Amino acid sequence: MAHVPHPPPNGALPYTWVRSFFNARNAAPGAPAKNLMVRVVRDGEERVSVALPARSARWLIEVMPNDVVQKVRAEEIPIDAIMADLQQEAELYPCSIFSLSKSNRQVEVWLE
């Protein structure tokens, strides 16, 4: 059964962006992320569940379809700043990159 995130609390933005994600709480010292994970749930059904090599996060915007990039930008998720941060880091550690929650769609992107 697919994990469906809870809706954000009242007044919260419809996405979460963690700028300091390279200091993730659950990352063990010396244990870099192995996978870039992408999950899309639409109408309660998991439609996409993809694992890519963690290094793929450095060019995440290039592997996302153009229409998806435009939707992410339209939601004011700072994807360009996220990409700049990812590209500057020597090592990528497990963390949340961003999530988007709409009434019928949830998108989660993270490193694990």
PDB file of N, CA and C in Angstrom:
ATOM      1  N   MET A   1       0.836  -1.171   0.000  1.00  0.00           N
ATOM      2  CA  MET A   1       0.000   0.000   0.000  1.00  0.00           C
ATOM      3  C   MET A   1       0.886   1.240   0.000  1.00  0.00           C
ATOM      4  N   ALA A   2       0.561   2.202  -0.828  1.00  0.00           N
ATOM      5  CA  ALA A   2       1.367   3.414  -0.977  1.00  0.00           C
ATOM      6  C   ALA A   2       1.208   4.331   0.225  1.00  0.00           C
ATOM      7  N   HIS A   3       2.302   4.987   0.594  1.00  0.00           N
ATOM      8  CA  HIS A   3       2.272   5.986   1.652  1.00  0.00           C
ATOM      9  C   HIS A   3       1.741   7.281   1.064  1.00  0.00           C
ATOM     10  N   VAL A   4       0.692   7.812   1.634  1.00  0.00           N
ATOM     11  CA  VAL A   4       0.124   9.080   1.170  1.00  0.00           C
ATOM     12  C   VAL A   4       0.376  10.109   2.266  1.00  0.00           C
ATOM     13  N   PRO A   5       1.122  11.173   1.952  1.00  0.00           N
ATOM     14  CA  PRO A   5       1.421  12.171   2.980  1.00  0.00           C
ATOM     15  C   PRO A   5       0.167  12.865   3.476  1.00  0.00           C
ATOM     16  N   HIS A   6       0.208  13.309   4.722  1.00  0.00           N
ATOM     17  CA  HIS A   6      -0.907  14.066   5.291  1.00  0.00           C
ATOM     18  C   HIS A   6      -0.911  15.467   4.686  1.00  0.00           C
ATOM     19  N   PRO A   7      -2.088  16.066   4.545  1.00  0.00           N
ATOM     20  CA  PRO A   7      -2.136  17.434   4.023  1.00  0.00           C
ATOM     21  C   PRO A   7      -1.444  18.389   4.983  1.00  0.00           C
ATOM     22  N   PRO A   8      -0.923  19.501   4.470  1.00  0.00           N
ATOM     23  CA  PRO A   8      -0.230  20.449   5.330  1.00  0.00           C
ATOM     24  C   PRO A   8      -1.196  21.105   6.304  1.00  0.00           C
ATOM     25  N   PRO A   9      -0.686  21.554   7.460  1.00  0.00           N
ATOM     26  CA  PRO A   9      -1.550  22.244   8.419  1.00  0.00           C
ATOM     27  C   PRO A   9      -2.105  23.533   7.817  1.00  0.00           C
ATOM     28  N   ASN A  10      -3.175  24.038   8.383  1.00  0.00           N
ATOM     29  CA  ASN A  10      -3.780  25.283   7.886  1.00  0.00           C
ATOM     30  C   ASN A  10      -2.744  26.391   7.816  1.00  0.00           C
ATOM     31  N   GLY A  11      -2.733  27.090   6.710  1.00  0.00           N
ATOM     32  CA  GLY A  11      -1.808  28.195   6.538  1.00  0.00           C
ATOM     33  C   GLY A  11      -0.435  27.778   6.043  1.00  0.00           C
ATOM     34  N   ALA A  12      -0.168  26.490   5.959  1.00  0.00           N
ATOM     35  CA  ALA A  12       1.149  26.032   5.498  1.00  0.00           C
ATOM     36  C   ALA A  12       1.209  26.087   3.978  1.00  0.00           C
ATOM     37  N   LEU A  13       2.392  26.250   3.471  1.00  0.00           N
ATOM     38  CA  LEU A  13       2.578  26.235   2.030  1.00  0.00           C
ATOM     39  C   LEU A  13       2.328  24.826   1.509  1.00  0.00           C
ATOM     40  N   PRO A  14       1.958  24.682   0.220  1.00  0.00           N
ATOM     41  CA  PRO A  14       1.650  23.353  -0.306  1.00  0.00           C
ATOM     42  C   PRO A  14       2.898  22.538  -0.637  1.00  0.00           C
ATOM     43  N   TYR A  15       4.059  23.000  -0.252  1.00  0.00           N
ATOM     44  CA  TYR A  15       5.282  22.240  -0.507  1.00  0.00           C
ATOM     45  C   TYR A  15       6.228  22.427   0.662  1.00  0.00           C
ATOM     46  N   THR A  16       7.189  21.560   0.709  1.00  0.00           N
ATOM     47  CA  THR A  16       8.224  21.677   1.726  1.00  0.00           C
ATOM     48  C   THR A  16       9.558  21.673   1.004  1.00  0.00           C
ATOM     49  N   TRP A  17      10.377  22.637   1.321  1.00  0.00           N
ATOM     50  CA  TRP A  17      11.712  22.694   0.746  1.00  0.00           C
ATOM     51  C   TRP A  17      12.679  22.844   1.894  1.00  0.00           C
ATOM     52  N   VAL A  18      13.636  21.952   1.956  1.00  0.00           N
ATOM     53  CA  VAL A  18      14.588  21.963   3.057  1.00  0.00           C
ATOM     54  C   VAL A  18      15.940  22.388   2.498  1.00  0.00           C
ATOM     55  N   ARG A  19      16.302  23.647   2.712  1.00  0.00           N
ATOM     56  CA  ARG A  19      17.548  24.167   2.164  1.00  0.00           C
ATOM     57  C   ARG A  19      18.757  23.531   2.830  1.00  0.00           C
ATOM     58  N   SER A  20      18.671  23.250   4.109  1.00  0.00           N
ATOM     59  CA  SER A  20      19.811  22.655   4.796  1.00  0.00           C
ATOM     60  C   SER A  20      19.706  21.138   4.797  1.00  0.00           C
ATOM     61  N   PHE A  21      19.266  20.594   3.698  1.00  0.00           N
ATOM     62  CA  PHE A  21      19.012  19.160   3.653  1.00  0.00           C
ATOM     63  C   PHE A  21      20.270  18.313   3.686  1.00  0.00           C
ATOM     64  N   PHE A  22      21.438  18.876   3.547  1.00  0.00           N
ATOM     65  CA  PHE A  22      22.656  18.078   3.584  1.00  0.00           C
ATOM     66  C   PHE A  22      23.050  17.724   5.010  1.00  0.00           C
ATOM     67  N   ASN A  23      22.362  18.276   5.995  1.00  0.00           N
ATOM     68  CA  ASN A  23      22.585  17.948   7.403  1.00  0.00           C
ATOM     69  C   ASN A  23      21.400  17.160   7.939  1.00  0.00           C
ATOM     70  N   ALA A  24      20.868  16.255   7.154  1.00  0.00           N
ATOM     71  CA  ALA A  24      19.685  15.491   7.543  1.00  0.00           C
ATOM     72  C   ALA A  24      19.913  14.762   8.857  1.00  0.00           C
ATOM     73  N   ARG A  25      18.887  14.718   9.689  1.00  0.00           N
ATOM     74  CA  ARG A  25      18.994  14.104  11.013  1.00  0.00           C
ATOM     75  C   ARG A  25      19.317  12.626  10.951  1.00  0.00           C
ATOM     76  N   ASN A  26      18.758  11.910  10.008  1.00  0.00           N
ATOM     77  CA  ASN A  26      18.918  10.463   9.968  1.00  0.00           C
ATOM     78  C   ASN A  26      20.150  10.005   9.187  1.00  0.00           C
ATOM     79  N   ALA A  27      20.894  10.913   8.640  1.00  0.00           N
ATOM     80  CA  ALA A  27      22.070  10.525   7.866  1.00  0.00           C
ATOM     81  C   ALA A  27      23.203  10.144   8.817  1.00  0.00           C
ATOM     82  N   ALA A  28      23.681   8.935   8.671  1.00  0.00           N
ATOM     83  CA  ALA A  28      24.811   8.485   9.487  1.00  0.00           C
ATOM     84  C   ALA A  28      26.084   9.103   8.918  1.00  0.00           C
ATOM     85  N   PRO A  29      26.992   9.522   9.784  1.00  0.00           N
ATOM     86  CA  PRO A  29      28.247  10.100   9.291  1.00  0.00           C
ATOM     87  C   PRO A  29      28.946   9.129   8.337  1.00  0.00           C
ATOM     88  N   GLY A  30      29.375   9.668   7.216  1.00  0.00           N
ATOM     89  CA  GLY A  30      30.080   8.844   6.241  1.00  0.00           C
ATOM     90  C   GLY A  30      29.192   7.940   5.411  1.00  0.00           C
ATOM     91  N   ALA A  31      27.881   8.126   5.488  1.00  0.00           N
ATOM     92  CA  ALA A  31      26.956   7.290   4.720  1.00  0.00           C
ATOM     93  C   ALA A  31      26.196   8.151   3.723  1.00  0.00           C
ATOM     94  N   PRO A  32      26.799   8.415   2.579  1.00  0.00           N
ATOM     95  CA  PRO A  32      26.105   9.228   1.582  1.00  0.00           C
ATOM     96  C   PRO A  32      24.878   8.515   1.017  1.00  0.00           C
ATOM     97  N   ALA A  33      23.990   9.299   0.454  1.00  0.00           N
ATOM     98  CA  ALA A  33      22.789   8.738  -0.169  1.00  0.00           C
ATOM     99  C   ALA A  33      23.177   7.866  -1.352  1.00  0.00           C
ATOM    100  N   LYS A  34      22.391   6.838  -1.559  1.00  0.00           N
ATOM    101  CA  LYS A  34      22.612   5.947  -2.700  1.00  0.00           C
ATOM    102  C   LYS A  34      21.598   6.188  -3.813  1.00  0.00           C
ATOM    103  N   ASN A  35      20.398   6.652  -3.427  1.00  0.00           N
ATOM    104  CA  ASN A  35      19.315   6.785  -4.404  1.00  0.00           C
ATOM    105  C   ASN A  35      18.625   8.133  -4.345  1.00  0.00           C
ATOM    106  N   LEU A  36      18.245   8.621  -5.498  1.00  0.00           N
ATOM    107  CA  LEU A  36      17.318   9.732  -5.631  1.00  0.00           C
ATOM    108  C   LEU A  36      15.961   9.076  -5.839  1.00  0.00           C
ATOM    109  N   MET A  37      15.028   9.372  -4.954  1.00  0.00           N
ATOM    110  CA  MET A  37      13.713   8.741  -5.007  1.00  0.00           C
ATOM    111  C   MET A  37      12.658   9.752  -5.446  1.00  0.00           C
ATOM    112  N   VAL A  38      11.744   9.312  -6.293  1.00  0.00           N
ATOM    113  CA  VAL A  38      10.632  10.147  -6.747  1.00  0.00           C
ATOM    114  C   VAL A  38       9.365   9.319  -6.614  1.00  0.00           C
ATOM    115  N   ARG A  39       8.368   9.901  -5.927  1.00  0.00           N
ATOM    116  CA  ARG A  39       7.081   9.226  -5.783  1.00  0.00           C
ATOM    117  C   ARG A  39       5.982  10.222  -6.134  1.00  0.00           C
ATOM    118  N   VAL A  40       5.052   9.768  -6.970  1.00  0.00           N
ATOM    119  CA  VAL A  40       3.886  10.577  -7.325  1.00  0.00           C
ATOM    120  C   VAL A  40       2.646   9.750  -7.018  1.00  0.00           C
ATOM    121  N   VAL A  41       1.774  10.314  -6.190  1.00  0.00           N
ATOM    122  CA  VAL A  41       0.493   9.690  -5.851  1.00  0.00           C
ATOM    123  C   VAL A  41      -0.598  10.598  -6.398  1.00  0.00           C
ATOM    124  N   ARG A  42      -1.460  10.038  -7.220  1.00  0.00           N
ATOM    125  CA  ARG A  42      -2.566  10.814  -7.786  1.00  0.00           C
ATOM    126  C   ARG A  42      -3.870  10.087  -7.500  1.00  0.00           C
ATOM    127  N   ASP A  43      -4.822  10.818  -6.957  1.00  0.00           N
ATOM    128  CA  ASP A  43      -6.130  10.252  -6.605  1.00  0.00           C
ATOM    129  C   ASP A  43      -5.978   9.017  -5.725  1.00  0.00           C
ATOM    130  N   GLY A  44      -5.020   9.075  -4.786  1.00  0.00           N
ATOM    131  CA  GLY A  44      -4.809   7.982  -3.847  1.00  0.00           C
ATOM    132  C   GLY A  44      -4.057   6.788  -4.385  1.00  0.00           C
ATOM    133  N   GLU A  45      -3.660   6.821  -5.648  1.00  0.00           N
ATOM    134  CA  GLU A  45      -2.966   5.699  -6.274  1.00  0.00           C
ATOM    135  C   GLU A  45      -1.539   6.096  -6.626  1.00  0.00           C
ATOM    136  N   GLU A  46      -0.579   5.271  -6.226  1.00  0.00           N
ATOM    137  CA  GLU A  46       0.811   5.553  -6.568  1.00  0.00           C
ATOM    138  C   GLU A  46       0.995   5.372  -8.067  1.00  0.00           C
ATOM    139  N   ARG A  47       1.356   6.447  -8.748  1.00  0.00           N
ATOM    140  CA  ARG A  47       1.518   6.418 -10.197  1.00  0.00           C
ATOM    141  C   ARG A  47       2.980   6.317 -10.614  1.00  0.00           C
ATOM    142  N   VAL A  48       3.864   6.874  -9.785  1.00  0.00           N
ATOM    143  CA  VAL A  48       5.292   6.846 -10.087  1.00  0.00           C
ATOM    144  C   VAL A  48       6.045   6.523  -8.806  1.00  0.00           C
ATOM    145  N   SER A  49       6.963   5.590  -8.898  1.00  0.00           N
ATOM    146  CA  SER A  49       7.876   5.280  -7.802  1.00  0.00           C
ATOM    147  C   SER A  49       9.191   4.891  -8.465  1.00  0.00           C
ATOM    148  N   VAL A  50      10.131   5.825  -8.457  1.00  0.00           N
ATOM    149  CA  VAL A  50      11.368   5.646  -9.209  1.00  0.00           C
ATOM    150  C   VAL A  50      12.566   5.843  -8.288  1.00  0.00           C
ATOM    151  N   ALA A  51      13.568   4.993  -8.447  1.00  0.00           N
ATOM    152  CA  ALA A  51      14.845   5.154  -7.754  1.00  0.00           C
ATOM    153  C   ALA A  51      15.927   5.320  -8.814  1.00  0.00           C
ATOM    154  N   LEU A  52      16.680   6.389  -8.706  1.00  0.00           N
ATOM    155  CA  LEU A  52      17.800   6.671  -9.604  1.00  0.00           C
ATOM    156  C   LEU A  52      19.059   6.765  -8.750  1.00  0.00           C
ATOM    157  N   PRO A  53      20.222   6.654  -9.351  1.00  0.00           N
ATOM    158  CA  PRO A  53      21.438   6.867  -8.558  1.00  0.00           C
ATOM    159  C   PRO A  53      21.409   8.260  -7.921  1.00  0.00           C
ATOM    160  N   ALA A  54      21.890   8.370  -6.703  1.00  0.00           N
ATOM    161  CA  ALA A  54      21.845   9.644  -5.958  1.00  0.00           C
ATOM    162  C   ALA A  54      22.460  10.787  -6.755  1.00  0.00           C
ATOM    163  N   ARG A  55      23.518  10.512  -7.489  1.00  0.00           N
ATOM    164  CA  ARG A  55      24.177  11.578  -8.251  1.00  0.00           C
ATOM    165  C   ARG A  55      23.236  12.215  -9.281  1.00  0.00           C
ATOM    166  N   SER A  56      22.149  11.521  -9.634  1.00  0.00           N
ATOM    167  CA  SER A  56      21.154  12.072 -10.562  1.00  0.00           C
ATOM    168  C   SER A  56      20.513  13.334 -10.016  1.00  0.00           C
ATOM    169  N   ALA A  57      20.539  13.518  -8.702  1.00  0.00           N
ATOM    170  CA  ALA A  57      19.960  14.719  -8.094  1.00  0.00           C
ATOM    171  C   ALA A  57      20.655  15.972  -8.600  1.00  0.00           C
ATOM    172  N   ARG A  58      21.917  15.856  -8.968  1.00  0.00           N
ATOM    173  CA  ARG A  58      22.677  17.020  -9.449  1.00  0.00           C
ATOM    174  C   ARG A  58      22.110  17.568 -10.765  1.00  0.00           C
ATOM    175  N   TRP A  59      21.442  16.751 -11.518  1.00  0.00           N
ATOM    176  CA  TRP A  59      20.816  17.214 -12.756  1.00  0.00           C
ATOM    177  C   TRP A  59      19.327  16.851 -12.771  1.00  0.00           C
ATOM    178  N   LEU A  60      18.714  16.894 -11.591  1.00  0.00           N
ATOM    179  CA  LEU A  60      17.296  16.587 -11.430  1.00  0.00           C
ATOM    180  C   LEU A  60      16.424  17.351 -12.417  1.00  0.00           C
ATOM    181  N   ILE A  61      16.678  18.629 -12.560  1.00  0.00           N
ATOM    182  CA  ILE A  61      15.854  19.466 -13.434  1.00  0.00           C
ATOM    183  C   ILE A  61      15.941  19.005 -14.893  1.00  0.00           C
ATOM    184  N   GLU A  62      17.037  18.359 -15.253  1.00  0.00           N
ATOM    185  CA  GLU A  62      17.200  17.879 -16.630  1.00  0.00           C
ATOM    186  C   GLU A  62      16.486  16.562 -16.878  1.00  0.00           C
ATOM    187  N   VAL A  63      16.229  15.772 -15.823  1.00  0.00           N
ATOM    188  CA  VAL A  63      15.528  14.507 -16.012  1.00  0.00           C
ATOM    189  C   VAL A  63      14.022  14.655 -15.806  1.00  0.00           C
ATOM    190  N   MET A  64      13.602  15.821 -15.294  1.00  0.00           N
ATOM    191  CA  MET A  64      12.175  16.085 -15.134  1.00  0.00           C
ATOM    192  C   MET A  64      11.602  16.569 -16.466  1.00  0.00           C
ATOM    193  N   PRO A  65      10.416  16.095 -16.849  1.00  0.00           N
ATOM    194  CA  PRO A  65       9.784  16.619 -18.067  1.00  0.00           C
ATOM    195  C   PRO A  65       9.579  18.133 -17.940  1.00  0.00           C
ATOM    196  N   ASN A  66       9.701  18.845 -19.056  1.00  0.00           N
ATOM    197  CA  ASN A  66       9.592  20.312 -19.052  1.00  0.00           C
ATOM    198  C   ASN A  66       8.281  20.804 -18.436  1.00  0.00           C
ATOM    199  N   ASP A  67       7.170  20.123 -18.728  1.00  0.00           N
ATOM    200  CA  ASP A  67       5.889  20.568 -18.167  1.00  0.00           C
ATOM    201  C   ASP A  67       5.866  20.413 -16.645  1.00  0.00           C
ATOM    202  N   VAL A  68       6.561  19.410 -16.126  1.00  0.00           N
ATOM    203  CA  VAL A  68       6.630  19.226 -14.675  1.00  0.00           C
ATOM    204  C   VAL A  68       7.483  20.328 -14.047  1.00  0.00           C
ATOM    205  N   VAL A  69       8.596  20.668 -14.693  1.00  0.00           N
ATOM    206  CA  VAL A  69       9.445  21.759 -14.192  1.00  0.00           C
ATOM    207  C   VAL A  69       8.634  23.046 -14.117  1.00  0.00           C
ATOM    208  N   GLN A  70       7.843  23.319 -15.139  1.00  0.00           N
ATOM    209  CA  GLN A  70       7.022  24.534 -15.149  1.00  0.00           C
ATOM    210  C   GLN A  70       5.979  24.513 -14.039  1.00  0.00           C
ATOM    211  N   LYS A  71       5.379  23.345 -13.771  1.00  0.00           N
ATOM    212  CA  LYS A  71       4.396  23.236 -12.686  1.00  0.00           C
ATOM    213  C   LYS A  71       5.065  23.456 -11.334  1.00  0.00           C
ATOM    214  N   VAL A  72       6.263  22.913 -11.159  1.00  0.00           N
ATOM    215  CA  VAL A  72       7.002  23.091  -9.905  1.00  0.00           C
ATOM    216  C   VAL A  72       7.311  24.572  -9.702  1.00  0.00           C
ATOM    217  N   ARG A  73       7.779  25.236 -10.755  1.00  0.00           N
ATOM    218  CA  ARG A  73       8.055  26.678 -10.659  1.00  0.00           C
ATOM    219  C   ARG A  73       6.780  27.466 -10.387  1.00  0.00           C
ATOM    220  N   ALA A  74       5.674  27.063 -11.000  1.00  0.00           N
ATOM    221  CA  ALA A  74       4.396  27.761 -10.797  1.00  0.00           C
ATOM    222  C   ALA A  74       3.943  27.666  -9.343  1.00  0.00           C
ATOM    223  N   GLU A  75       4.347  26.622  -8.651  1.00  0.00           N
ATOM    224  CA  GLU A  75       4.016  26.455  -7.230  1.00  0.00           C
ATOM    225  C   GLU A  75       5.006  27.186  -6.331  1.00  0.00           C
ATOM    226  N   GLU A  76       5.905  27.946  -6.948  1.00  0.00           N
ATOM    227  CA  GLU A  76       6.918  28.736  -6.239  1.00  0.00           C
ATOM    228  C   GLU A  76       7.879  27.882  -5.413  1.00  0.00           C
ATOM    229  N   ILE A  77       8.100  26.647  -5.863  1.00  0.00           N
ATOM    230  CA  ILE A  77       9.148  25.818  -5.276  1.00  0.00           C
ATOM    231  C   ILE A  77      10.448  26.294  -5.917  1.00  0.00           C
ATOM    232  N   PRO A  78      11.426  26.688  -5.142  1.00  0.00           N
ATOM    233  CA  PRO A  78      12.657  27.271  -5.696  1.00  0.00           C
ATOM    234  C   PRO A  78      13.589  26.215  -6.291  1.00  0.00           C
ATOM    235  N   ILE A  79      13.132  25.575  -7.350  1.00  0.00           N
ATOM    236  CA  ILE A  79      13.870  24.459  -7.957  1.00  0.00           C
ATOM    237  C   ILE A  79      15.254  24.889  -8.438  1.00  0.00           C
ATOM    238  N   ASP A  80      15.400  26.120  -8.914  1.00  0.00           N
ATOM    239  CA  ASP A  80      16.710  26.570  -9.388  1.00  0.00           C
ATOM    240  C   ASP A  80      17.696  26.719  -8.228  1.00  0.00           C
ATOM    241  N   ALA A  81      17.227  27.229  -7.093  1.00  0.00           N
ATOM    242  CA  ALA A  81      18.082  27.338  -5.907  1.00  0.00           C
ATOM    243  C   ALA A  81      18.423  25.949  -5.366  1.00  0.00           C
ATOM    244  N   ILE A  82      17.440  25.051  -5.398  1.00  0.00           N
ATOM    245  CA  ILE A  82      17.680  23.675  -4.960  1.00  0.00           C
ATOM    246  C   ILE A  82      18.768  23.052  -5.824  1.00  0.00           C
ATOM    247  N   MET A  83      18.655  23.244  -7.141  1.00  0.00           N
ATOM    248  CA  MET A  83      19.654  22.679  -8.067  1.00  0.00           C
ATOM    249  C   MET A  83      21.036  23.257  -7.799  1.00  0.00           C
ATOM    250  N   ALA A  84      21.112  24.556  -7.560  1.00  0.00           N
ATOM    251  CA  ALA A  84      22.407  25.188  -7.276  1.00  0.00           C
ATOM    252  C   ALA A  84      23.025  24.584  -6.018  1.00  0.00           C
ATOM    253  N   ASP A  85      22.216  24.370  -4.985  1.00  0.00           N
ATOM    254  CA  ASP A  85      22.717  23.758  -3.755  1.00  0.00           C
ATOM    255  C   ASP A  85      23.205  22.335  -4.005  1.00  0.00           C
ATOM    256  N   LEU A  86      22.414  21.556  -4.736  1.00  0.00           N
ATOM    257  CA  LEU A  86      22.798  20.176  -5.030  1.00  0.00           C
ATOM    258  C   LEU A  86      24.114  20.098  -5.800  1.00  0.00           C
ATOM    259  N   GLN A  87      24.276  20.997  -6.757  1.00  0.00           N
ATOM    260  CA  GLN A  87      25.473  20.973  -7.599  1.00  0.00           C
ATOM    261  C   GLN A  87      26.722  21.419  -6.852  1.00  0.00           C
ATOM    262  N   GLN A  88      26.569  22.174  -5.774  1.00  0.00           N
ATOM    263  CA  GLN A  88      27.718  22.662  -5.014  1.00  0.00           C
ATOM    264  C   GLN A  88      28.231  21.660  -3.997  1.00  0.00           C
ATOM    265  N   GLU A  89      27.394  20.742  -3.582  1.00  0.00           N
ATOM    266  CA  GLU A  89      27.782  19.797  -2.531  1.00  0.00           C
ATOM    267  C   GLU A  89      28.709  18.716  -3.080  1.00  0.00           C
ATOM    268  N   ALA A  90      29.787  18.432  -2.362  1.00  0.00           N
ATOM    269  CA  ALA A  90      30.728  17.383  -2.753  1.00  0.00           C
ATOM    270  C   ALA A  90      30.106  16.003  -2.552  1.00  0.00           C
ATOM    271  N   GLU A  91      29.299  15.857  -1.505  1.00  0.00           N
ATOM    272  CA  GLU A  91      28.677  14.576  -1.166  1.00  0.00           C
ATOM    273  C   GLU A  91      27.209  14.821  -0.870  1.00  0.00           C
ATOM    274  N   LEU A  92      26.340  13.922  -1.324  1.00  0.00           N
ATOM    275  CA  LEU A  92      24.901  14.046  -1.094  1.00  0.00           C
ATOM    276  C   LEU A  92      24.477  13.041  -0.040  1.00  0.00           C
ATOM    277  N   TYR A  93      23.734  13.518   0.963  1.00  0.00           N
ATOM    278  CA  TYR A  93      23.296  12.674   2.065  1.00  0.00           C
ATOM    279  C   TYR A  93      21.783  12.529   2.068  1.00  0.00           C
ATOM    280  N   PRO A  94      21.260  11.472   2.688  1.00  0.00           N
ATOM    281  CA  PRO A  94      19.807  11.265   2.737  1.00  0.00           C
ATOM    282  C   PRO A  94      19.078  12.500   3.286  1.00  0.00           C
ATOM    283  N   CYS A  95      18.023  12.907   2.584  1.00  0.00           N
ATOM    284  CA  CYS A  95      17.252  14.078   2.972  1.00  0.00           C
ATOM    285  C   CYS A  95      16.050  14.245   2.059  1.00  0.00           C
ATOM    286  N   SER A  96      15.141  15.115   2.451  1.00  0.00           N
ATOM    287  CA  SER A  96      14.033  15.506   1.596  1.00  0.00           C
ATOM    288  C   SER A  96      14.521  16.630   0.686  1.00  0.00           C
ATOM    289  N   ILE A  97      14.201  16.564  -0.592  1.00  0.00           N
ATOM    290  CA  ILE A  97      14.545  17.659  -1.507  1.00  0.00           C
ATOM    291  C   ILE A  97      13.341  18.590  -1.633  1.00  0.00           C
ATOM    292  N   PHE A  98      12.180  18.055  -2.004  1.00  0.00           N
ATOM    293  CA  PHE A  98      10.945  18.832  -1.942  1.00  0.00           C
ATOM    294  C   PHE A  98       9.757  17.891  -2.030  1.00  0.00           C
ATOM    295  N   SER A  99       8.631  18.394  -1.562  1.00  0.00           N
ATOM    296  CA  SER A  99       7.376  17.674  -1.729  1.00  0.00           C
ATOM    297  C   SER A  99       6.309  18.691  -2.095  1.00  0.00           C
ATOM    298  N   LEU A 100       5.326  18.233  -2.818  1.00  0.00           N
ATOM    299  CA  LEU A 100       4.230  19.075  -3.277  1.00  0.00           C
ATOM    300  C   LEU A 100       2.944  18.331  -2.987  1.00  0.00           C
ATOM    301  N   SER A 101       2.007  18.980  -2.343  1.00  0.00           N
ATOM    302  CA  SER A 101       0.746  18.338  -2.000  1.00  0.00           C
ATOM    303  C   SER A 101      -0.407  19.187  -2.513  1.00  0.00           C
ATOM    304  N   LYS A 102      -1.147  18.646  -3.428  1.00  0.00           N
ATOM    305  CA  LYS A 102      -2.371  19.257  -3.945  1.00  0.00           C
ATOM    306  C   LYS A 102      -3.527  18.357  -3.540  1.00  0.00           C
ATOM    307  N   SER A 103      -4.740  18.779  -3.809  1.00  0.00           N
ATOM    308  CA  SER A 103      -5.900  18.011  -3.360  1.00  0.00           C
ATOM    309  C   SER A 103      -5.892  16.569  -3.869  1.00  0.00           C
ATOM    310  N   ASN A 104      -5.508  16.360  -5.117  1.00  0.00           N
ATOM    311  CA  ASN A 104      -5.543  15.003  -5.658  1.00  0.00           C
ATOM    312  C   ASN A 104      -4.159  14.469  -6.036  1.00  0.00           C
ATOM    313  N   ARG A 105      -3.100  15.209  -5.710  1.00  0.00           N
ATOM    314  CA  ARG A 105      -1.768  14.783  -6.146  1.00  0.00           C
ATOM    315  C   ARG A 105      -0.732  15.126  -5.096  1.00  0.00           C
ATOM    316  N   GLN A 106       0.154  14.160  -4.831  1.00  0.00           N
ATOM    317  CA  GLN A 106       1.283  14.381  -3.950  1.00  0.00           C
ATOM    318  C   GLN A 106       2.546  13.954  -4.697  1.00  0.00           C
ATOM    319  N   VAL A 107       3.564  14.787  -4.617  1.00  0.00           N
ATOM    320  CA  VAL A 107       4.856  14.499  -5.234  1.00  0.00           C
ATOM    321  C   VAL A 107       5.903  14.616  -4.140  1.00  0.00           C
ATOM    322  N   GLU A 108       6.751  13.613  -4.037  1.00  0.00           N
ATOM    323  CA  GLU A 108       7.848  13.638  -3.080  1.00  0.00           C
ATOM    324  C   GLU A 108       9.131  13.312  -3.810  1.00  0.00           C
ATOM    325  N   VAL A 109      10.176  14.079  -3.534  1.00  0.00           N
ATOM    326  CA  VAL A 109      11.497  13.864  -4.115  1.00  0.00           C
ATOM    327  C   VAL A 109      12.495  13.912  -2.966  1.00  0.00           C
ATOM    328  N   TRP A 110      13.291  12.869  -2.809  1.00  0.00           N
ATOM    329  CA  TRP A 110      14.234  12.796  -1.692  1.00  0.00           C
ATOM    330  C   TRP A 110      15.427  11.932  -2.031  1.00  0.00           C
ATOM    331  N   LEU A 111      16.450  12.071  -1.207  1.00  0.00           N
ATOM    332  CA  LEU A 111      17.644  11.227  -1.302  1.00  0.00           C
ATOM    333  C   LEU A 111      17.629  10.238  -0.160  1.00  0.00           C
ATOM    334  N   GLU A 112      17.966   8.982  -0.464  1.00  0.00           N
ATOM    335  CA  GLU A 112      18.078   7.977   0.602  1.00  0.00           C
ATOM    336  C   GLU A 112      19.256   7.067   0.350  1.00  0.00           C
TER     337      GLU A 112
END
